[in-house]
Protein backbone atom coordinates (compact mmCIF):
# COMPACT_ATOMS: atom_id res chain seq x y z
CA MET A 1 133.41 -103.45 249.89
CA ARG A 2 131.89 -103.61 253.34
CA ARG A 3 128.09 -103.82 253.37
CA ARG A 4 126.11 -102.20 256.19
CA SER A 5 123.13 -104.09 257.51
CA LEU A 6 119.73 -102.39 257.25
CA PHE A 7 118.93 -103.91 260.63
CA ALA A 8 121.22 -101.33 262.22
CA LEU A 9 119.01 -98.44 261.07
CA PRO A 10 116.32 -98.73 263.77
CA ALA A 11 118.90 -97.73 266.35
CA LEU A 12 118.94 -94.30 264.71
CA LEU A 13 115.17 -93.86 264.70
CA PRO A 14 114.40 -92.86 268.30
CA ALA A 15 116.30 -89.58 268.04
CA ALA A 16 114.88 -88.82 264.60
CA MET A 17 111.33 -89.62 265.66
CA ALA A 18 111.47 -87.75 268.98
CA ALA A 19 108.61 -85.32 269.49
CA PRO A 20 109.58 -81.85 268.23
CA LYS A 21 110.21 -79.19 270.83
CA THR A 22 107.60 -76.52 271.23
CA PRO A 23 108.47 -72.99 270.04
CA ALA A 24 111.02 -71.22 272.20
CA PHE A 25 110.30 -68.15 274.30
CA ALA A 26 112.46 -65.94 272.11
CA GLU A 27 111.15 -62.46 272.94
CA LYS A 28 109.90 -60.39 275.86
CA ILE A 29 107.04 -58.03 276.67
CA SER A 30 106.22 -55.82 279.66
CA ALA A 31 102.79 -55.86 281.31
CA PHE A 32 101.32 -55.42 284.79
CA GLY A 33 104.69 -54.29 286.16
CA LEU A 34 106.41 -57.54 285.14
CA GLN A 35 108.55 -58.80 282.28
CA TRP A 36 107.12 -61.79 280.39
CA ASP A 37 108.79 -64.31 278.09
CA VAL A 38 106.82 -64.95 274.88
CA ILE A 39 107.31 -66.75 271.59
CA ALA A 40 106.80 -63.53 269.60
CA ALA A 41 106.06 -60.06 270.95
CA ALA A 42 103.97 -59.30 267.84
CA ASP A 43 101.46 -61.95 268.99
CA TRP A 44 100.50 -59.67 271.88
CA LYS A 45 99.03 -56.20 272.29
CA VAL A 46 99.95 -54.38 275.49
CA SER A 47 98.27 -51.25 276.82
CA ALA A 48 98.50 -49.45 280.14
CA SER A 49 95.84 -51.67 281.69
CA GLU A 50 95.39 -54.69 279.42
CA LEU A 51 97.31 -57.61 277.92
CA GLU A 52 95.69 -58.98 274.77
CA LEU A 53 96.67 -62.15 272.91
CA VAL A 54 95.96 -61.40 269.23
CA VAL A 55 97.61 -64.37 267.47
CA PRO A 56 96.67 -67.97 268.37
CA ARG A 57 99.20 -70.82 268.07
CA PRO A 58 97.31 -74.12 268.40
CA GLN A 59 99.57 -77.07 269.25
CA GLU A 60 97.34 -79.97 268.18
CA ALA A 61 99.86 -82.82 268.19
CA ASN A 62 103.39 -83.91 269.05
CA PRO A 63 102.72 -82.88 271.80
CA ARG A 64 99.15 -81.70 272.31
CA ARG A 65 99.46 -78.99 274.95
CA PRO A 66 99.33 -75.18 275.18
CA VAL A 67 102.34 -73.23 273.93
CA GLN A 68 100.92 -69.74 273.42
CA PHE A 69 101.23 -68.06 276.77
CA ALA A 70 103.20 -65.22 278.32
CA LEU A 71 105.47 -66.56 281.07
CA ALA A 72 106.21 -64.18 283.95
CA GLN A 73 109.88 -63.60 284.71
CA THR A 74 109.86 -64.50 288.39
CA GLU A 75 111.62 -66.96 290.62
CA PRO A 76 109.75 -70.27 291.11
CA ILE A 77 106.73 -69.55 293.32
CA ALA A 78 105.60 -72.21 295.80
CA LYS A 79 102.49 -70.50 297.12
CA PHE A 80 100.43 -67.70 295.61
CA THR A 81 97.07 -66.12 294.96
CA LEU A 82 96.52 -64.88 291.41
CA GLU A 83 93.65 -62.53 290.64
CA THR A 84 92.79 -61.15 287.22
CA GLU A 85 89.95 -60.39 284.85
CA VAL A 86 89.76 -62.32 281.59
CA LYS A 87 87.79 -61.95 278.39
CA ARG A 88 87.47 -64.64 275.74
CA LYS A 89 87.31 -63.93 272.02
CA PRO A 90 83.78 -62.96 270.82
CA GLY A 91 81.31 -65.81 270.42
CA LYS A 92 83.14 -68.57 272.24
CA GLY A 93 86.63 -69.45 273.29
CA SER A 94 89.00 -70.53 276.03
CA LEU A 95 91.93 -69.22 278.02
CA VAL A 96 94.65 -70.83 280.13
CA LEU A 97 96.43 -69.74 283.29
CA VAL A 98 99.72 -71.61 283.71
CA TYR A 99 101.29 -72.43 287.08
CA ALA A 100 104.15 -74.59 288.43
CA TRP A 101 106.06 -74.08 285.14
CA GLN A 102 109.51 -75.73 285.40
CA LYS A 103 110.79 -75.82 281.83
CA ASP A 104 109.48 -76.48 278.33
CA GLY A 105 106.82 -79.18 278.57
CA TYR A 106 106.68 -79.39 282.36
CA PHE A 107 103.86 -77.34 283.86
CA ASP A 108 100.24 -77.34 284.99
CA TYR A 109 97.43 -75.05 283.90
CA VAL A 110 93.86 -73.99 284.54
CA HIS A 111 91.68 -74.13 281.41
CA LEU A 112 88.60 -71.90 281.27
CA SER A 113 86.00 -72.00 278.50
CA ASN A 114 82.30 -71.82 277.70
CA ASP A 115 82.13 -75.62 277.47
CA SER A 116 80.98 -77.84 280.31
CA PRO A 117 83.66 -80.43 281.14
CA GLU A 118 80.90 -83.03 281.30
CA LYS A 119 80.37 -82.48 277.55
CA VAL A 120 83.96 -81.66 276.53
CA GLU A 121 86.34 -83.49 278.84
CA VAL A 122 89.42 -81.59 277.70
CA HIS A 123 87.89 -78.20 278.52
CA ASN A 124 87.29 -76.29 281.73
CA GLY A 125 89.50 -77.90 284.34
CA ILE A 126 92.99 -78.47 285.71
CA PHE A 127 95.59 -80.07 283.43
CA HIS A 128 99.10 -81.49 283.81
CA CYS A 129 101.93 -81.53 281.25
CA PHE A 130 104.99 -83.72 281.80
CA ASN A 131 106.92 -83.71 278.52
CA GLY A 132 103.93 -85.07 276.61
CA ASP A 133 100.28 -84.46 275.85
CA ARG A 134 98.29 -82.63 278.50
CA VAL A 135 96.34 -84.82 280.95
CA ARG A 136 93.32 -83.80 282.98
CA ILE A 137 93.85 -83.98 286.77
CA SER A 138 90.50 -82.63 287.97
CA PRO A 139 86.98 -84.12 287.91
CA THR A 140 84.66 -83.36 285.00
CA LYS A 141 81.84 -82.18 287.24
CA GLY A 142 80.95 -78.52 286.84
CA PRO A 143 79.57 -75.92 284.44
CA GLY A 144 81.29 -73.87 281.77
CA THR A 145 82.89 -70.66 283.02
CA LEU A 146 83.42 -68.15 280.20
CA MET A 147 79.77 -68.01 279.20
CA THR A 148 79.65 -64.44 277.84
CA ASP A 149 81.92 -62.02 276.03
CA ASP A 150 82.13 -59.83 279.13
CA TRP A 151 85.06 -59.57 281.52
CA GLN A 152 85.10 -62.39 284.09
CA LYS A 153 86.83 -62.21 287.48
CA VAL A 154 89.22 -65.11 288.07
CA LYS A 155 91.01 -66.10 291.27
CA ILE A 156 93.51 -68.95 291.59
CA THR A 157 95.26 -70.18 294.72
CA TYR A 158 98.18 -72.63 294.67
CA ASP A 159 100.13 -74.34 297.44
CA ALA A 160 103.02 -76.50 296.21
CA SER A 161 103.42 -78.19 299.60
CA LYS A 162 100.01 -79.77 299.08
CA GLY A 163 100.11 -79.75 295.27
CA LEU A 164 96.71 -78.09 295.47
CA VAL A 165 95.28 -75.55 293.03
CA GLU A 166 91.79 -74.07 293.23
CA CYS A 167 90.07 -71.64 290.88
CA TRP A 168 87.04 -69.38 291.15
CA VAL A 169 85.30 -67.53 288.30
CA ASN A 170 83.07 -64.65 289.39
CA GLY A 171 83.23 -66.07 292.91
CA GLN A 172 82.01 -69.53 291.86
CA THR A 173 83.96 -72.79 291.81
CA SER A 174 83.26 -76.47 291.12
CA PRO A 175 85.02 -79.86 291.41
CA ALA A 176 86.33 -79.32 287.86
CA LEU A 177 88.33 -76.31 289.05
CA LYS A 178 90.25 -78.07 291.82
CA GLY A 179 93.24 -80.36 291.27
CA ILE A 180 96.26 -81.85 293.00
CA ASP A 181 99.70 -82.49 291.50
CA LEU A 182 102.75 -83.17 293.67
CA SER A 183 105.15 -83.88 290.79
CA LEU A 184 106.17 -80.30 289.95
CA GLY A 185 106.18 -78.01 292.99
CA ALA A 186 107.21 -74.37 292.84
CA GLY A 187 107.25 -72.79 289.42
CA ARG A 188 106.45 -69.77 287.26
CA ILE A 189 103.03 -68.56 286.13
CA GLY A 190 101.67 -67.65 282.70
CA LEU A 191 98.67 -66.25 280.82
CA GLY A 192 97.45 -67.31 277.38
CA SER A 193 95.30 -69.71 275.39
CA PHE A 194 95.47 -73.19 273.88
CA PHE A 195 93.61 -72.45 270.63
CA ASP A 196 92.13 -68.96 270.84
CA THR A 197 92.76 -65.29 271.54
CA GLY A 198 91.66 -63.26 274.53
CA SER A 199 92.49 -60.53 277.01
CA PHE A 200 93.64 -60.04 280.60
CA ARG A 201 93.43 -57.01 282.88
CA ASN A 202 93.56 -56.05 286.58
CA PHE A 203 96.26 -58.65 287.17
CA LYS A 204 97.48 -59.15 290.73
CA LEU A 205 99.91 -61.80 291.98
CA THR A 206 100.33 -62.22 295.73
CA LYS A 207 103.03 -64.60 296.93
CA GLY A 208 102.70 -66.67 300.08
């Protein structure tokens, strides 16, 4: 009888221990004149003027990055201005606006919350995902942004040729809301949240 060495087993471990894939965009919704890919349509409430995320899907590990966002069905966009109004869940909360999305796990996003990035480094800023945990790519200098339960006006500009993204909330910006990433380039955009629920309205995407 041929005996198999236990020392051969570690060669099988890398595939078995690989980080699990995030949930697939299996369904679609329609909002703001666009089609959006989502994990589950039931997680969202769509009206004539508003897109509301009603079911959170926190992705706390393996990898730690946002997964619960609606991804617009567009061609990769290299330069755009995105304008919308956002509303966090009552009390406190955060929202994300995804840009430069290439494929699962490869994208950047703007994170907006009531927390100051000086107190909570992983909140309120620009973040980069490259098949792993999210990494901050903007300074931690600046105030919180979603300070009330009211609607807040958000504007984002992105230029892939420079890798530059800038964000304004109610006309105000800060170093925390400006970042540069040249690794991704043109990509798709998305709306959602890392841990919470929230709403979007008056969405406008201008290319170029």
